Structure formats: structure tokens, C-alpha cells
Amino acid sequence: MGRKSKAEERKREILEHFYKVMLTEGFENSSIAKIAKSMDVNPSLLIHYFKTKEDMVVGLVDFLLERYEDAFLNMVISKENPQEQFDTVIDILFGHAWMQMSDQHSVFYACYYLSSRHDLIRERFQQMYNRFREVIEDLADRWIEAKIVRDFTPSQVAEYLIMLNEGLTYYEGVYRDPEAFMHRCEYLQKMVRKTLTA
């Protein structure tokens, strides 16, 4: 048990450094040597835990998805009132909180690109979206029961919110204009509320 947890801690530390290196160097310029240098360790230590860079990328995807889920759930889970949950989810997905995670988006989309060529990475992204959809469907079920959301099924609400959020995130990644992003967020928040609650 102790060995496994130590190994998991070490893997997490490696992935945190991989993430930092990717932020500054980009995916193409990240290497096991640069990650080892960032950690001030011998590259052979990294190879002990991850045989290839590809293995490390799969681990990084899991690491990122866990961070996204934790960030989202921690902001929503404390709200028990369905209206507060609804407002919080809309504010998170189309607001400043999501933009604060934007440093992560460049790494996220680099990994996302790899999913088109790597089955295991694509599978991880599918698992992430499935989990995200399940969480929102559970919340949407409460919103529908409380008559906050009308004329939609929980799965329709989840798909709608995820697709709009992904579009906004991608669009923002191209423009990187914080002021314009906030205007887009305000517009989307109004449109989402109008669409789902009308």
C-alpha cells in the first residue's frame, strides 16, 4: 500500500512538471529531458514511471481531466438549492471562473489534438465528457423537477451546455481578448437562461 501511494505521488509530481513544461514550451518542445531538468532529477527516473512520452501524455490527460472535474464540482457541490446550482453552473461555464482556468486550455487542447490520432487518449476524453454529461444531467434533473428548466430533457440540457462551453473555450483560445471574452460570457449567460427557462 505504502509503495503504491509513493509511486502515485511521484507520478503526480512528474505530471505536474510535465504540465508546467508544456505551458512554457508547448507539446512539441516538451521532452523527458526538459521535464527531468524542471524536477532536477535524472531522466531515467521519469522513464521508470512512464516508459514513453506517449504514456506520460495519457497520464497528463487523466491529470487534467481530474483537475477540471474537481474545479467544477467544488464550485457546484456546495449549493443545495436547485436555483443556486443552476445559476452557479451557468456562471462557471460562461463566466470568469472558466476563464481563470484558461492557462490550462492550451495544454488541454494540445492533448485534445492528440486524441484524433491516439485511441487511448480519445477514450480518456470520451470518459471525461461522459462524466461531465452525467454530472450536468443529474443537476438538470433537479432543475426540471424544480421547474427552473422547461421543455428539455436532462440529456438535452447537458449536451447544450457542454457544446456551448466548448465553443466558447475554443473561440476564446483563438482570440485571447479578456474584455471581449467577458462580453461574450454575459451574452451567452443571458441566452442560455432565456433558452432553458423560457
N, C-alpha and C. Protein backbone atom coordinates (compact mmCIF):
# COMPACT_ATOMS: atom_id res chain seq x y z
N MET A 1 0.82 -1.20 0.00
CA MET A 1 0.00 0.00 0.00
C MET A 1 0.86 1.26 0.00
N GLY A 2 1.87 1.30 0.92
CA GLY A 2 2.74 2.45 1.02
C GLY A 2 3.52 2.70 -0.25
N ARG A 3 4.01 1.60 -0.85
CA ARG A 3 4.78 1.74 -2.10
C ARG A 3 3.92 2.30 -3.21
N LYS A 4 2.69 1.79 -3.30
CA LYS A 4 1.81 2.24 -4.38
C LYS A 4 1.51 3.72 -4.23
N SER A 5 1.22 4.17 -3.02
CA SER A 5 0.90 5.57 -2.84
C SER A 5 2.12 6.45 -3.10
N LYS A 6 3.30 5.96 -2.73
CA LYS A 6 4.53 6.72 -3.04
C LYS A 6 4.73 6.82 -4.55
N ALA A 7 4.48 5.71 -5.25
CA ALA A 7 4.60 5.71 -6.71
C ALA A 7 3.58 6.67 -7.33
N GLU A 8 2.36 6.66 -6.79
CA GLU A 8 1.32 7.56 -7.32
C GLU A 8 1.69 9.02 -7.07
N GLU A 9 2.25 9.30 -5.90
CA GLU A 9 2.69 10.66 -5.59
C GLU A 9 3.78 11.10 -6.56
N ARG A 10 4.72 10.21 -6.82
CA ARG A 10 5.82 10.54 -7.73
C ARG A 10 5.30 10.77 -9.15
N LYS A 11 4.37 9.91 -9.57
CA LYS A 11 3.78 10.09 -10.90
C LYS A 11 3.08 11.44 -10.99
N ARG A 12 2.34 11.79 -9.96
CA ARG A 12 1.62 13.07 -9.96
C ARG A 12 2.61 14.24 -10.03
N GLU A 13 3.71 14.13 -9.30
CA GLU A 13 4.74 15.17 -9.33
C GLU A 13 5.32 15.31 -10.75
N ILE A 14 5.58 14.18 -11.39
CA ILE A 14 6.10 14.20 -12.76
C ILE A 14 5.09 14.87 -13.69
N LEU A 15 3.82 14.52 -13.55
CA LEU A 15 2.78 15.08 -14.41
C LEU A 15 2.61 16.58 -14.18
N GLU A 16 2.75 17.02 -12.94
CA GLU A 16 2.68 18.46 -12.66
C GLU A 16 3.81 19.20 -13.36
N HIS A 17 5.00 18.61 -13.36
CA HIS A 17 6.13 19.24 -14.06
C HIS A 17 5.95 19.16 -15.57
N PHE A 18 5.41 18.05 -16.06
CA PHE A 18 5.12 17.93 -17.50
C PHE A 18 4.16 19.03 -17.92
N TYR A 19 3.13 19.24 -17.10
CA TYR A 19 2.15 20.29 -17.36
C TYR A 19 2.82 21.66 -17.43
N LYS A 20 3.69 21.96 -16.46
CA LYS A 20 4.38 23.26 -16.42
C LYS A 20 5.29 23.43 -17.64
N VAL A 21 5.98 22.36 -18.00
CA VAL A 21 6.87 22.43 -19.17
C VAL A 21 6.05 22.66 -20.44
N MET A 22 4.91 21.98 -20.55
CA MET A 22 4.05 22.18 -21.72
C MET A 22 3.52 23.60 -21.81
N LEU A 23 3.21 24.21 -20.66
CA LEU A 23 2.73 25.59 -20.66
C LEU A 23 3.76 26.54 -21.26
N THR A 24 5.01 26.31 -20.94
CA THR A 24 6.05 27.22 -21.42
C THR A 24 6.66 26.81 -22.76
N GLU A 25 6.74 25.51 -23.00
CA GLU A 25 7.44 25.02 -24.19
C GLU A 25 6.51 24.55 -25.31
N GLY A 26 5.25 24.28 -24.98
CA GLY A 26 4.36 23.66 -25.97
C GLY A 26 4.59 22.16 -25.99
N PHE A 27 3.67 21.44 -26.61
CA PHE A 27 3.78 19.98 -26.62
C PHE A 27 5.00 19.50 -27.39
N GLU A 28 5.19 20.06 -28.59
CA GLU A 28 6.26 19.58 -29.46
C GLU A 28 7.64 19.74 -28.83
N ASN A 29 7.82 20.79 -28.04
CA ASN A 29 9.12 21.07 -27.46
C ASN A 29 9.29 20.49 -26.06
N SER A 30 8.26 19.83 -25.56
CA SER A 30 8.38 19.18 -24.25
C SER A 30 9.09 17.84 -24.44
N SER A 31 9.97 17.54 -23.55
CA SER A 31 10.70 16.27 -23.65
C SER A 31 10.93 15.73 -22.25
N ILE A 32 11.24 14.46 -22.20
CA ILE A 32 11.54 13.84 -20.91
C ILE A 32 12.74 14.54 -20.28
N ALA A 33 13.72 14.92 -21.09
CA ALA A 33 14.90 15.62 -20.56
C ALA A 33 14.53 16.96 -19.93
N LYS A 34 13.63 17.71 -20.57
CA LYS A 34 13.23 19.01 -20.03
C LYS A 34 12.40 18.86 -18.75
N ILE A 35 11.57 17.84 -18.73
CA ILE A 35 10.76 17.59 -17.53
C ILE A 35 11.69 17.20 -16.37
N ALA A 36 12.66 16.34 -16.65
CA ALA A 36 13.63 15.92 -15.63
C ALA A 36 14.42 17.13 -15.13
N LYS A 37 14.78 18.02 -16.04
CA LYS A 37 15.53 19.23 -15.65
C LYS A 37 14.67 20.10 -14.75
N SER A 38 13.39 20.23 -15.09
CA SER A 38 12.46 21.00 -14.27
C SER A 38 12.36 20.43 -12.86
N MET A 39 12.45 19.11 -12.76
CA MET A 39 12.36 18.44 -11.45
C MET A 39 13.72 18.32 -10.77
N ASP A 40 14.78 18.60 -11.52
CA ASP A 40 16.15 18.43 -11.03
C ASP A 40 16.43 16.97 -10.64
N VAL A 41 16.04 16.08 -11.58
CA VAL A 41 16.29 14.64 -11.39
C VAL A 41 16.86 14.07 -12.69
N ASN A 42 17.32 12.84 -12.62
CA ASN A 42 17.84 12.15 -13.79
C ASN A 42 16.66 11.69 -14.66
N PRO A 43 16.74 11.84 -16.00
CA PRO A 43 15.65 11.40 -16.88
C PRO A 43 15.25 9.93 -16.68
N SER A 44 16.19 9.10 -16.23
CA SER A 44 15.87 7.68 -16.04
C SER A 44 14.79 7.49 -14.97
N LEU A 45 14.69 8.44 -14.02
CA LEU A 45 13.64 8.35 -13.00
C LEU A 45 12.26 8.46 -13.66
N LEU A 46 12.12 9.37 -14.62
CA LEU A 46 10.85 9.53 -15.32
C LEU A 46 10.51 8.29 -16.12
N ILE A 47 11.52 7.71 -16.76
CA ILE A 47 11.31 6.53 -17.59
C ILE A 47 10.92 5.32 -16.72
N HIS A 48 11.34 5.34 -15.47
CA HIS A 48 10.94 4.29 -14.54
C HIS A 48 9.42 4.30 -14.35
N TYR A 49 8.81 5.50 -14.32
CA TYR A 49 7.38 5.62 -14.08
C TYR A 49 6.56 5.68 -15.37
N PHE A 50 7.13 6.26 -16.41
CA PHE A 50 6.46 6.36 -17.71
C PHE A 50 7.46 5.91 -18.77
N LYS A 51 7.18 4.78 -19.40
CA LYS A 51 8.14 4.19 -20.34
C LYS A 51 8.40 5.08 -21.55
N THR A 52 7.33 5.81 -22.00
CA THR A 52 7.46 6.67 -23.18
C THR A 52 6.77 8.01 -22.92
N LYS A 53 7.04 8.96 -23.78
CA LYS A 53 6.36 10.25 -23.69
C LYS A 53 4.86 10.04 -23.90
N GLU A 54 4.51 9.10 -24.75
CA GLU A 54 3.10 8.79 -25.02
C GLU A 54 2.39 8.33 -23.74
N ASP A 55 3.04 7.48 -22.96
CA ASP A 55 2.48 7.04 -21.67
C ASP A 55 2.28 8.24 -20.75
N MET A 56 3.24 9.14 -20.80
CA MET A 56 3.15 10.33 -19.95
C MET A 56 1.99 11.22 -20.39
N VAL A 57 1.75 11.30 -21.70
CA VAL A 57 0.64 12.11 -22.22
C VAL A 57 -0.70 11.54 -21.72
N VAL A 58 -0.84 10.23 -21.76
CA VAL A 58 -2.07 9.59 -21.26
C VAL A 58 -2.25 9.94 -19.78
N GLY A 59 -1.17 9.87 -19.01
CA GLY A 59 -1.23 10.24 -17.60
C GLY A 59 -1.59 11.71 -17.42
N LEU A 60 -1.05 12.57 -18.30
CA LEU A 60 -1.33 14.00 -18.22
C LEU A 60 -2.80 14.28 -18.52
N VAL A 61 -3.36 13.58 -19.48
CA VAL A 61 -4.78 13.76 -19.81
C VAL A 61 -5.62 13.41 -18.58
N ASP A 62 -5.33 12.30 -17.94
CA ASP A 62 -6.06 11.93 -16.72
C ASP A 62 -5.90 13.01 -15.65
N PHE A 63 -4.70 13.52 -15.51
CA PHE A 63 -4.40 14.57 -14.53
C PHE A 63 -5.23 15.83 -14.82
N LEU A 64 -5.28 16.24 -16.10
CA LEU A 64 -6.04 17.44 -16.48
C LEU A 64 -7.54 17.25 -16.27
N LEU A 65 -8.04 16.08 -16.67
CA LEU A 65 -9.47 15.83 -16.54
C LEU A 65 -9.89 15.83 -15.08
N GLU A 66 -9.03 15.29 -14.24
CA GLU A 66 -9.31 15.30 -12.80
C GLU A 66 -9.35 16.72 -12.27
N ARG A 67 -8.44 17.57 -12.74
CA ARG A 67 -8.41 18.97 -12.30
C ARG A 67 -9.67 19.71 -12.75
N TYR A 68 -10.10 19.48 -14.00
CA TYR A 68 -11.32 20.12 -14.50
C TYR A 68 -12.51 19.69 -13.66
N GLU A 69 -12.62 18.38 -13.44
CA GLU A 69 -13.78 17.87 -12.70
C GLU A 69 -13.78 18.40 -11.27
N ASP A 70 -12.62 18.38 -10.61
CA ASP A 70 -12.55 18.88 -9.24
C ASP A 70 -12.93 20.35 -9.17
N ALA A 71 -12.40 21.14 -10.08
CA ALA A 71 -12.69 22.58 -10.08
C ALA A 71 -14.18 22.83 -10.27
N PHE A 72 -14.78 22.11 -11.20
CA PHE A 72 -16.20 22.29 -11.49
C PHE A 72 -17.05 21.82 -10.31
N LEU A 73 -16.80 20.61 -9.84
CA LEU A 73 -17.62 20.05 -8.77
C LEU A 73 -17.50 20.83 -7.48
N ASN A 74 -16.30 21.28 -7.15
CA ASN A 74 -16.12 22.03 -5.91
C ASN A 74 -16.91 23.34 -5.91
N MET A 75 -17.08 23.94 -7.08
CA MET A 75 -17.84 25.18 -7.15
C MET A 75 -19.35 24.95 -7.09
N VAL A 76 -19.80 23.76 -7.51
CA VAL A 76 -21.23 23.49 -7.61
C VAL A 76 -21.76 22.70 -6.43
N ILE A 77 -20.97 21.78 -5.93
CA ILE A 77 -21.46 20.79 -4.98
C ILE A 77 -21.97 21.42 -3.67
N SER A 78 -21.42 22.56 -3.30
CA SER A 78 -21.82 23.19 -2.03
C SER A 78 -23.21 23.81 -2.10
N LYS A 79 -23.73 24.00 -3.30
CA LYS A 79 -25.05 24.60 -3.47
C LYS A 79 -26.12 23.52 -3.42
N GLU A 80 -27.03 23.64 -2.49
CA GLU A 80 -28.09 22.65 -2.37
C GLU A 80 -29.38 23.08 -3.07
N ASN A 81 -29.61 24.38 -3.11
CA ASN A 81 -30.81 24.92 -3.74
C ASN A 81 -30.69 24.79 -5.26
N PRO A 82 -31.70 24.19 -5.94
CA PRO A 82 -31.61 23.99 -7.40
C PRO A 82 -31.39 25.30 -8.18
N GLN A 83 -32.01 26.38 -7.76
CA GLN A 83 -31.83 27.66 -8.46
C GLN A 83 -30.40 28.14 -8.30
N GLU A 84 -29.85 28.02 -7.09
CA GLU A 84 -28.45 28.42 -6.87
C GLU A 84 -27.50 27.54 -7.70
N GLN A 85 -27.80 26.24 -7.77
CA GLN A 85 -26.97 25.35 -8.59
C GLN A 85 -27.02 25.76 -10.05
N PHE A 86 -28.21 26.02 -10.54
CA PHE A 86 -28.37 26.42 -11.94
C PHE A 86 -27.57 27.69 -12.21
N ASP A 87 -27.76 28.70 -11.37
CA ASP A 87 -27.05 29.97 -11.56
C ASP A 87 -25.54 29.78 -11.48
N THR A 88 -25.09 28.95 -10.55
CA THR A 88 -23.66 28.70 -10.39
C THR A 88 -23.08 28.00 -11.61
N VAL A 89 -23.78 26.99 -12.12
CA VAL A 89 -23.30 26.27 -13.31
C VAL A 89 -23.20 27.22 -14.50
N ILE A 90 -24.22 28.04 -14.71
CA ILE A 90 -24.19 29.00 -15.84
C ILE A 90 -23.05 29.99 -15.65
N ASP A 91 -22.88 30.47 -14.42
CA ASP A 91 -21.80 31.42 -14.15
C ASP A 91 -20.42 30.79 -14.35
N ILE A 92 -20.29 29.52 -13.98
CA ILE A 92 -19.00 28.84 -14.15
C ILE A 92 -18.70 28.61 -15.63
N LEU A 93 -19.65 27.99 -16.32
CA LEU A 93 -19.38 27.60 -17.71
C LEU A 93 -19.26 28.79 -18.66
N PHE A 94 -19.92 29.90 -18.31
CA PHE A 94 -19.90 31.07 -19.19
C PHE A 94 -19.52 32.30 -18.40
N GLY A 95 -18.42 32.20 -17.67
CA GLY A 95 -18.02 33.33 -16.85
C GLY A 95 -16.55 33.35 -16.50
N HIS A 96 -16.22 34.21 -15.57
CA HIS A 96 -14.84 34.49 -15.20
C HIS A 96 -14.13 33.26 -14.63
N ALA A 97 -14.87 32.43 -13.90
CA ALA A 97 -14.25 31.24 -13.28
C ALA A 97 -13.63 30.33 -14.34
N TRP A 98 -14.34 30.18 -15.46
CA TRP A 98 -13.82 29.32 -16.52
C TRP A 98 -12.60 29.97 -17.17
N MET A 99 -12.65 31.29 -17.34
CA MET A 99 -11.53 31.99 -17.97
C MET A 99 -10.28 31.86 -17.10
N GLN A 100 -10.45 31.81 -15.77
CA GLN A 100 -9.29 31.68 -14.90
C GLN A 100 -8.56 30.36 -15.11
N MET A 101 -9.25 29.40 -15.68
CA MET A 101 -8.61 28.12 -15.97
C MET A 101 -7.96 28.14 -17.36
N SER A 102 -7.97 29.30 -18.03
CA SER A 102 -7.55 29.34 -19.43
C SER A 102 -6.08 29.00 -19.65
N ASP A 103 -5.24 29.16 -18.62
CA ASP A 103 -3.85 28.73 -18.81
C ASP A 103 -3.80 27.24 -19.10
N GLN A 104 -4.76 26.53 -18.54
CA GLN A 104 -4.83 25.09 -18.72
C GLN A 104 -5.34 24.72 -20.12
N HIS A 105 -6.11 25.61 -20.74
CA HIS A 105 -6.73 25.29 -22.02
C HIS A 105 -5.71 24.97 -23.11
N SER A 106 -4.57 25.67 -23.12
CA SER A 106 -3.58 25.41 -24.16
C SER A 106 -3.05 23.98 -24.06
N VAL A 107 -2.82 23.53 -22.84
CA VAL A 107 -2.35 22.15 -22.63
C VAL A 107 -3.48 21.17 -22.94
N PHE A 108 -4.68 21.51 -22.50
CA PHE A 108 -5.86 20.67 -22.74
C PHE A 108 -6.06 20.44 -24.24
N TYR A 109 -6.00 21.52 -25.02
CA TYR A 109 -6.24 21.37 -26.46
C TYR A 109 -5.07 20.70 -27.20
N ALA A 110 -3.88 20.83 -26.67
CA ALA A 110 -2.76 20.08 -27.26
C ALA A 110 -3.01 18.58 -27.10
N CYS A 111 -3.50 18.20 -25.93
CA CYS A 111 -3.83 16.79 -25.69
C CYS A 111 -5.06 16.38 -26.50
N TYR A 112 -6.01 17.30 -26.60
CA TYR A 112 -7.23 17.02 -27.38
C TYR A 112 -6.88 16.72 -28.83
N TYR A 113 -5.94 17.48 -29.38
CA TYR A 113 -5.50 17.26 -30.76
C TYR A 113 -4.96 15.84 -30.92
N LEU A 114 -4.22 15.39 -29.92
CA LEU A 114 -3.65 14.04 -29.98
C LEU A 114 -4.73 12.95 -29.98
N SER A 115 -5.91 13.28 -29.45
CA SER A 115 -6.98 12.29 -29.39
C SER A 115 -7.46 11.86 -30.78
N SER A 116 -7.20 12.69 -31.78
CA SER A 116 -7.59 12.31 -33.14
C SER A 116 -6.69 11.21 -33.71
N ARG A 117 -5.51 11.01 -33.08
CA ARG A 117 -4.56 10.02 -33.59
C ARG A 117 -4.25 8.90 -32.59
N HIS A 118 -4.75 9.06 -31.38
CA HIS A 118 -4.38 8.11 -30.33
C HIS A 118 -5.65 7.61 -29.65
N ASP A 119 -5.95 6.33 -29.83
CA ASP A 119 -7.21 5.77 -29.33
C ASP A 119 -7.36 5.88 -27.82
N LEU A 120 -6.28 5.65 -27.10
CA LEU A 120 -6.37 5.68 -25.64
C LEU A 120 -6.65 7.10 -25.14
N ILE A 121 -6.04 8.10 -25.76
CA ILE A 121 -6.29 9.49 -25.37
C ILE A 121 -7.73 9.87 -25.73
N ARG A 122 -8.19 9.46 -26.90
CA ARG A 122 -9.59 9.73 -27.29
C ARG A 122 -10.56 9.08 -26.30
N GLU A 123 -10.23 7.87 -25.88
CA GLU A 123 -11.06 7.16 -24.90
C GLU A 123 -11.13 7.94 -23.58
N ARG A 124 -9.99 8.52 -23.16
CA ARG A 124 -9.97 9.31 -21.93
C ARG A 124 -10.86 10.55 -22.07
N PHE A 125 -10.79 11.20 -23.23
CA PHE A 125 -11.65 12.37 -23.44
C PHE A 125 -13.12 11.97 -23.46
N GLN A 126 -13.44 10.85 -24.06
CA GLN A 126 -14.82 10.37 -24.04
C GLN A 126 -15.29 10.13 -22.61
N GLN A 127 -14.42 9.52 -21.80
CA GLN A 127 -14.77 9.29 -20.39
C GLN A 127 -15.00 10.60 -19.67
N MET A 128 -14.17 11.61 -19.95
CA MET A 128 -14.32 12.91 -19.32
C MET A 128 -15.65 13.54 -19.70
N TYR A 129 -15.98 13.52 -21.00
CA TYR A 129 -17.24 14.12 -21.43
C TYR A 129 -18.44 13.33 -20.91
N ASN A 130 -18.31 12.01 -20.86
CA ASN A 130 -19.40 11.20 -20.29
C ASN A 130 -19.63 11.56 -18.84
N ARG A 131 -18.54 11.71 -18.08
CA ARG A 131 -18.66 12.07 -16.67
C ARG A 131 -19.26 13.48 -16.52
N PHE A 132 -18.78 14.42 -17.31
CA PHE A 132 -19.27 15.79 -17.27
C PHE A 132 -20.77 15.81 -17.59
N ARG A 133 -21.15 15.05 -18.61
CA ARG A 133 -22.57 14.97 -19.01
C ARG A 133 -23.41 14.37 -17.88
N GLU A 134 -22.91 13.32 -17.24
CA GLU A 134 -23.64 12.69 -16.13
C GLU A 134 -23.88 13.69 -14.99
N VAL A 135 -22.84 14.44 -14.65
CA VAL A 135 -22.96 15.42 -13.57
C VAL A 135 -24.01 16.46 -13.92
N ILE A 136 -23.95 16.99 -15.14
CA ILE A 136 -24.91 18.03 -15.53
C ILE A 136 -26.31 17.44 -15.67
N GLU A 137 -26.42 16.22 -16.16
CA GLU A 137 -27.75 15.58 -16.25
C GLU A 137 -28.38 15.44 -14.87
N ASP A 138 -27.58 15.04 -13.88
CA ASP A 138 -28.10 14.92 -12.51
C ASP A 138 -28.60 16.27 -12.00
N LEU A 139 -27.81 17.31 -12.26
CA LEU A 139 -28.22 18.65 -11.85
C LEU A 139 -29.47 19.09 -12.62
N ALA A 140 -29.47 18.85 -13.92
CA ALA A 140 -30.61 19.26 -14.76
C ALA A 140 -31.90 18.57 -14.34
N ASP A 141 -31.78 17.34 -13.89
CA ASP A 141 -32.95 16.63 -13.40
C ASP A 141 -33.59 17.40 -12.23
N ARG A 142 -32.76 17.92 -11.35
CA ARG A 142 -33.25 18.72 -10.23
C ARG A 142 -33.85 20.04 -10.73
N TRP A 143 -33.20 20.66 -11.74
CA TRP A 143 -33.70 21.93 -12.26
C TRP A 143 -35.07 21.75 -12.92
N ILE A 144 -35.22 20.64 -13.61
CA ILE A 144 -36.51 20.35 -14.28
C ILE A 144 -37.59 20.09 -13.23
N GLU A 145 -37.24 19.31 -12.24
CA GLU A 145 -38.20 18.99 -11.17
C GLU A 145 -38.62 20.26 -10.42
N ALA A 146 -37.70 21.22 -10.26
CA ALA A 146 -37.99 22.48 -9.58
C ALA A 146 -38.63 23.50 -10.52
N LYS A 147 -38.86 23.09 -11.77
CA LYS A 147 -39.47 23.95 -12.80
C LYS A 147 -38.65 25.20 -13.13
N ILE A 148 -37.34 25.07 -12.98
CA ILE A 148 -36.43 26.14 -13.38
C ILE A 148 -36.18 26.01 -14.89
N VAL A 149 -35.93 24.77 -15.33
CA VAL A 149 -35.72 24.47 -16.75
C VAL A 149 -36.99 23.82 -17.27
N ARG A 150 -37.42 24.24 -18.47
CA ARG A 150 -38.66 23.74 -19.05
C ARG A 150 -38.43 23.19 -20.45
N ASP A 151 -39.23 22.23 -20.82
CA ASP A 151 -39.29 21.71 -22.20
C ASP A 151 -38.02 21.04 -22.70
N PHE A 152 -37.18 20.60 -21.80
CA PHE A 152 -35.96 19.89 -22.19
C PHE A 152 -35.78 18.67 -21.30
N THR A 153 -35.08 17.67 -21.82
CA THR A 153 -34.70 16.52 -21.00
C THR A 153 -33.34 16.82 -20.36
N PRO A 154 -32.98 16.12 -19.30
CA PRO A 154 -31.65 16.33 -18.70
C PRO A 154 -30.51 16.14 -19.70
N SER A 155 -30.63 15.14 -20.58
CA SER A 155 -29.54 14.92 -21.54
C SER A 155 -29.45 16.06 -22.56
N GLN A 156 -30.58 16.64 -22.94
CA GLN A 156 -30.55 17.79 -23.86
C GLN A 156 -29.88 19.00 -23.20
N VAL A 157 -30.19 19.21 -21.92
CA VAL A 157 -29.59 20.33 -21.19
C VAL A 157 -28.07 20.14 -21.11
N ALA A 158 -27.65 18.93 -20.77
CA ALA A 158 -26.22 18.64 -20.64
C ALA A 158 -25.49 18.83 -21.97
N GLU A 159 -26.03 18.27 -23.03
CA GLU A 159 -25.39 18.40 -24.35
C GLU A 159 -25.29 19.87 -24.76
N TYR A 160 -26.36 20.60 -24.56
CA TYR A 160 -26.42 22.03 -24.92
C TYR A 160 -25.34 22.82 -24.18
N LEU A 161 -25.26 22.64 -22.86
CA LEU A 161 -24.30 23.40 -22.07
C LEU A 161 -22.86 23.02 -22.42
N ILE A 162 -22.61 21.74 -22.61
CA ILE A 162 -21.24 21.30 -22.94
C ILE A 162 -20.83 21.84 -24.30
N MET A 163 -21.71 21.73 -25.28
CA MET A 163 -21.35 22.21 -26.63
C MET A 163 -21.10 23.71 -26.65
N LEU A 164 -21.95 24.48 -25.97
CA LEU A 164 -21.74 25.94 -25.93
C LEU A 164 -20.45 26.29 -25.20
N ASN A 165 -20.19 25.61 -24.09
CA ASN A 165 -18.97 25.87 -23.34
C ASN A 165 -17.72 25.56 -24.16
N GLU A 166 -17.74 24.42 -24.84
CA GLU A 166 -16.59 24.05 -25.67
C GLU A 166 -16.37 25.06 -26.79
N GLY A 167 -17.45 25.50 -27.40
CA GLY A 167 -17.34 26.50 -28.46
C GLY A 167 -16.75 27.80 -27.93
N LEU A 168 -17.23 28.24 -26.78
CA LEU A 168 -16.73 29.47 -26.16
C LEU A 168 -15.25 29.34 -25.81
N THR A 169 -14.89 28.22 -25.23
CA THR A 169 -13.50 27.99 -24.82
C THR A 169 -12.56 27.99 -26.03
N TYR A 170 -12.98 27.28 -27.07
CA TYR A 170 -12.16 27.23 -28.29
C TYR A 170 -12.02 28.62 -28.91
N TYR A 171 -13.15 29.32 -29.00
CA TYR A 171 -13.18 30.67 -29.59
C TYR A 171 -12.27 31.62 -28.82
N GLU A 172 -12.36 31.56 -27.49
CA GLU A 172 -11.52 32.40 -26.64
C GLU A 172 -10.05 32.04 -26.82
N GLY A 173 -9.75 30.75 -27.00
CA GLY A 173 -8.37 30.32 -27.20
C GLY A 173 -7.74 30.92 -28.44
N VAL A 174 -8.56 31.18 -29.43
CA VAL A 174 -8.06 31.78 -30.67
C VAL A 174 -7.84 33.28 -30.50
N TYR A 175 -8.77 33.97 -29.83
CA TYR A 175 -8.70 35.44 -29.74
C TYR A 175 -7.94 35.96 -28.52
N ARG A 176 -8.06 35.30 -27.40
CA ARG A 176 -7.37 35.71 -26.17
C ARG A 176 -7.54 37.21 -25.88
N ASP A 177 -8.79 37.63 -25.83
CA ASP A 177 -9.12 39.02 -25.54
C ASP A 177 -10.04 39.01 -24.31
N PRO A 178 -9.48 39.21 -23.11
CA PRO A 178 -10.27 39.08 -21.88
C PRO A 178 -11.52 39.97 -21.84
N GLU A 179 -11.41 41.20 -22.32
CA GLU A 179 -12.57 42.10 -22.28
C GLU A 179 -13.69 41.60 -23.20
N ALA A 180 -13.32 41.23 -24.41
CA ALA A 180 -14.33 40.70 -25.35
C ALA A 180 -14.89 39.38 -24.83
N PHE A 181 -14.04 38.59 -24.18
CA PHE A 181 -14.50 37.32 -23.63
C PHE A 181 -15.59 37.55 -22.59
N MET A 182 -15.41 38.53 -21.72
CA MET A 182 -16.41 38.81 -20.70
C MET A 182 -17.73 39.25 -21.33
N HIS A 183 -17.66 40.01 -22.41
CA HIS A 183 -18.89 40.41 -23.11
C HIS A 183 -19.58 39.18 -23.72
N ARG A 184 -18.79 38.29 -24.30
CA ARG A 184 -19.35 37.06 -24.86
C ARG A 184 -20.01 36.23 -23.76
N CYS A 185 -19.34 36.17 -22.61
CA CYS A 185 -19.88 35.41 -21.48
C CYS A 185 -21.22 35.97 -21.03
N GLU A 186 -21.29 37.29 -20.88
CA GLU A 186 -22.54 37.93 -20.46
C GLU A 186 -23.66 37.63 -21.46
N TYR A 187 -23.33 37.73 -22.73
CA TYR A 187 -24.32 37.44 -23.78
C TYR A 187 -24.78 35.98 -23.69
N LEU A 188 -23.82 35.06 -23.58
CA LEU A 188 -24.18 33.64 -23.52
C LEU A 188 -24.99 33.31 -22.26
N GLN A 189 -24.62 33.90 -21.14
CA GLN A 189 -25.39 33.65 -19.92
C GLN A 189 -26.86 34.04 -20.11
N LYS A 190 -27.09 35.21 -20.71
CA LYS A 190 -28.47 35.66 -20.96
C LYS A 190 -29.19 34.71 -21.91
N MET A 191 -28.49 34.33 -22.99
CA MET A 191 -29.11 33.47 -24.00
C MET A 191 -29.41 32.07 -23.44
N VAL A 192 -28.50 31.53 -22.64
CA VAL A 192 -28.69 30.21 -22.05
C VAL A 192 -29.89 30.24 -21.09
N ARG A 193 -29.92 31.26 -20.25
CA ARG A 193 -31.04 31.37 -19.30
C ARG A 193 -32.37 31.53 -20.05
N LYS A 194 -32.35 32.33 -21.08
CA LYS A 194 -33.58 32.56 -21.86
C LYS A 194 -34.02 31.27 -22.56
N THR A 195 -33.08 30.55 -23.13
CA THR A 195 -33.38 29.33 -23.86
C THR A 195 -33.90 28.23 -22.93
N LEU A 196 -33.23 28.04 -21.80
CA LEU A 196 -33.58 26.91 -20.93
C LEU A 196 -34.75 27.19 -20.01
N THR A 197 -34.97 28.46 -19.66
CA THR A 197 -36.00 28.74 -18.66
C THR A 197 -37.28 29.33 -19.25
N ALA A 198 -37.30 29.66 -20.52
CA ALA A 198 -38.47 30.33 -21.12
C ALA A 198 -39.67 29.38 -21.17
